[in-house]
Amino acid sequence: MIEQQQRREQPGEVRRRSVGIAAFVVGLVGTLAFFAFFPGLPHVIDWGAIVVAVLVGALFRWICQSWTGKRSEERR
């Protein structure tokens, strides 16, 4: 059997991951809310709206993780 070493994560990495998850959820829910309630749009959530919401959530996650990564590098 191969023994694996458990790698303990740094507190900064844990915070960065949690910020990324929160940013993804905010982007996803915000985009779905926009498509659901913005006047002038059909109030139907279809597959296109879901795909766009996932992409916006991923974009928010990437931006927040990049921003928190730069901040942690500046602190060092």
C-alpha atoms as a PDB file:
ATOM      1  CA  MET A   1       0.000   0.000   0.000  1.00  0.00           C
ATOM      2  CA  ILE A   2       1.040   3.541  -0.648  1.00  0.00           C
ATOM      3  CA  GLU A   3       0.860   5.836   2.307  1.00  0.00           C
ATOM      4  CA  GLN A   4      -0.314   9.332   1.618  1.00  0.00           C
ATOM      5  CA  GLN A   5       0.667  12.341   3.577  1.00  0.00           C
ATOM      6  CA  GLN A   6      -2.104  14.640   4.561  1.00  0.00           C
ATOM      7  CA  ARG A   7      -1.353  18.168   3.604  1.00  0.00           C
ATOM      8  CA  ARG A   8      -2.607  20.772   6.002  1.00  0.00           C
ATOM      9  CA  GLU A   9      -3.909  23.860   4.313  1.00  0.00           C
ATOM     10  CA  GLN A  10      -2.790  27.319   5.217  1.00  0.00           C
ATOM     11  CA  PRO A  11      -5.400  29.627   6.799  1.00  0.00           C
ATOM     12  CA  GLY A  12      -5.087  31.958   3.802  1.00  0.00           C
ATOM     13  CA  GLU A  13      -5.975  29.149   1.396  1.00  0.00           C
ATOM     14  CA  VAL A  14      -9.027  28.189   3.435  1.00  0.00           C
ATOM     15  CA  ARG A  15     -10.208  31.806   3.462  1.00  0.00           C
ATOM     16  CA  ARG A  16      -9.541  32.150  -0.267  1.00  0.00           C
ATOM     17  CA  ARG A  17     -11.589  29.040  -0.995  1.00  0.00           C
ATOM     18  CA  SER A  18     -14.514  30.182   1.150  1.00  0.00           C
ATOM     19  CA  VAL A  19     -14.456  33.635  -0.472  1.00  0.00           C
ATOM     20  CA  GLY A  20     -14.466  31.959  -3.887  1.00  0.00           C
ATOM     21  CA  ILE A  21     -17.463  29.807  -3.001  1.00  0.00           C
ATOM     22  CA  ALA A  22     -19.364  32.792  -1.619  1.00  0.00           C
ATOM     23  CA  ALA A  23     -18.562  34.857  -4.730  1.00  0.00           C
ATOM     24  CA  PHE A  24     -19.768  32.067  -7.005  1.00  0.00           C
ATOM     25  CA  VAL A  25     -23.058  31.778  -5.127  1.00  0.00           C
ATOM     26  CA  VAL A  26     -23.582  35.565  -5.145  1.00  0.00           C
ATOM     27  CA  GLY A  27     -22.936  35.744  -8.888  1.00  0.00           C
ATOM     28  CA  LEU A  28     -25.186  32.774  -9.616  1.00  0.00           C
ATOM     29  CA  VAL A  29     -28.108  33.947  -7.481  1.00  0.00           C
ATOM     30  CA  GLY A  30     -27.722  37.570  -8.566  1.00  0.00           C
ATOM     31  CA  THR A  31     -27.830  36.662 -12.241  1.00  0.00           C
ATOM     32  CA  LEU A  32     -30.820  34.358 -11.797  1.00  0.00           C
ATOM     33  CA  ALA A  33     -32.615  37.104  -9.855  1.00  0.00           C
ATOM     34  CA  PHE A  34     -31.822  39.553 -12.649  1.00  0.00           C
ATOM     35  CA  PHE A  35     -33.327  37.248 -15.257  1.00  0.00           C
ATOM     36  CA  ALA A  36     -36.333  36.512 -13.059  1.00  0.00           C
ATOM     37  CA  PHE A  37     -37.272  40.043 -11.989  1.00  0.00           C
ATOM     38  CA  PHE A  38     -35.825  42.577 -14.454  1.00  0.00           C
ATOM     39  CA  PRO A  39     -38.645  44.438 -16.213  1.00  0.00           C
ATOM     40  CA  GLY A  40     -38.878  43.861 -19.930  1.00  0.00           C
ATOM     41  CA  LEU A  41     -37.404  40.384 -19.896  1.00  0.00           C
ATOM     42  CA  PRO A  42     -39.583  37.321 -20.034  1.00  0.00           C
ATOM     43  CA  HIS A  43     -39.861  36.036 -16.482  1.00  0.00           C
ATOM     44  CA  VAL A  44     -38.765  32.551 -17.382  1.00  0.00           C
ATOM     45  CA  ILE A  45     -35.577  30.880 -16.281  1.00  0.00           C
ATOM     46  CA  ASP A  46     -34.485  28.734 -19.219  1.00  0.00           C
ATOM     47  CA  TRP A  47     -31.257  26.837 -19.906  1.00  0.00           C
ATOM     48  CA  GLY A  48     -29.628  29.892 -21.429  1.00  0.00           C
ATOM     49  CA  ALA A  49     -30.198  31.882 -18.237  1.00  0.00           C
ATOM     50  CA  ILE A  50     -28.807  29.035 -16.144  1.00  0.00           C
ATOM     51  CA  VAL A  51     -25.677  28.766 -18.295  1.00  0.00           C
ATOM     52  CA  VAL A  52     -25.129  32.530 -18.157  1.00  0.00           C
ATOM     53  CA  ALA A  53     -25.652  32.504 -14.374  1.00  0.00           C
ATOM     54  CA  VAL A  54     -23.061  29.744 -13.935  1.00  0.00           C
ATOM     55  CA  LEU A  55     -20.588  31.650 -16.132  1.00  0.00           C
ATOM     56  CA  VAL A  56     -21.150  34.885 -14.208  1.00  0.00           C
ATOM     57  CA  GLY A  57     -20.699  32.992 -10.936  1.00  0.00           C
ATOM     58  CA  ALA A  58     -17.434  31.515 -12.214  1.00  0.00           C
ATOM     59  CA  LEU A  59     -16.287  34.969 -13.314  1.00  0.00           C
ATOM     60  CA  PHE A  60     -17.091  36.419  -9.862  1.00  0.00           C
ATOM     61  CA  ARG A  61     -15.191  33.547  -8.232  1.00  0.00           C
ATOM     62  CA  TRP A  62     -12.162  34.077 -10.433  1.00  0.00           C
ATOM     63  CA  ILE A  63     -12.136  37.839  -9.760  1.00  0.00           C
ATOM     64  CA  CYS A  64     -12.469  37.423  -5.991  1.00  0.00           C
ATOM     65  CA  GLN A  65      -9.815  34.722  -5.783  1.00  0.00           C
ATOM     66  CA  SER A  66      -7.449  36.811  -7.877  1.00  0.00           C
ATOM     67  CA  TRP A  67      -8.093  39.833  -5.668  1.00  0.00           C
ATOM     68  CA  THR A  68      -7.611  37.912  -2.409  1.00  0.00           C
ATOM     69  CA  GLY A  69      -4.462  36.290  -3.821  1.00  0.00           C
ATOM     70  CA  LYS A  70      -2.948  39.673  -4.610  1.00  0.00           C
ATOM     71  CA  ARG A  71      -3.838  40.951  -1.153  1.00  0.00           C
ATOM     72  CA  SER A  72      -2.205  37.981   0.533  1.00  0.00           C
ATOM     73  CA  GLU A  73       0.966  38.446  -1.539  1.00  0.00           C
ATOM     74  CA  GLU A  74       1.126  42.112  -0.534  1.00  0.00           C
ATOM     75  CA  ARG A  75       0.951  41.183   3.150  1.00  0.00           C
ATOM     76  CA  ARG A  76       3.978  38.890   2.935  1.00  0.00           C
END
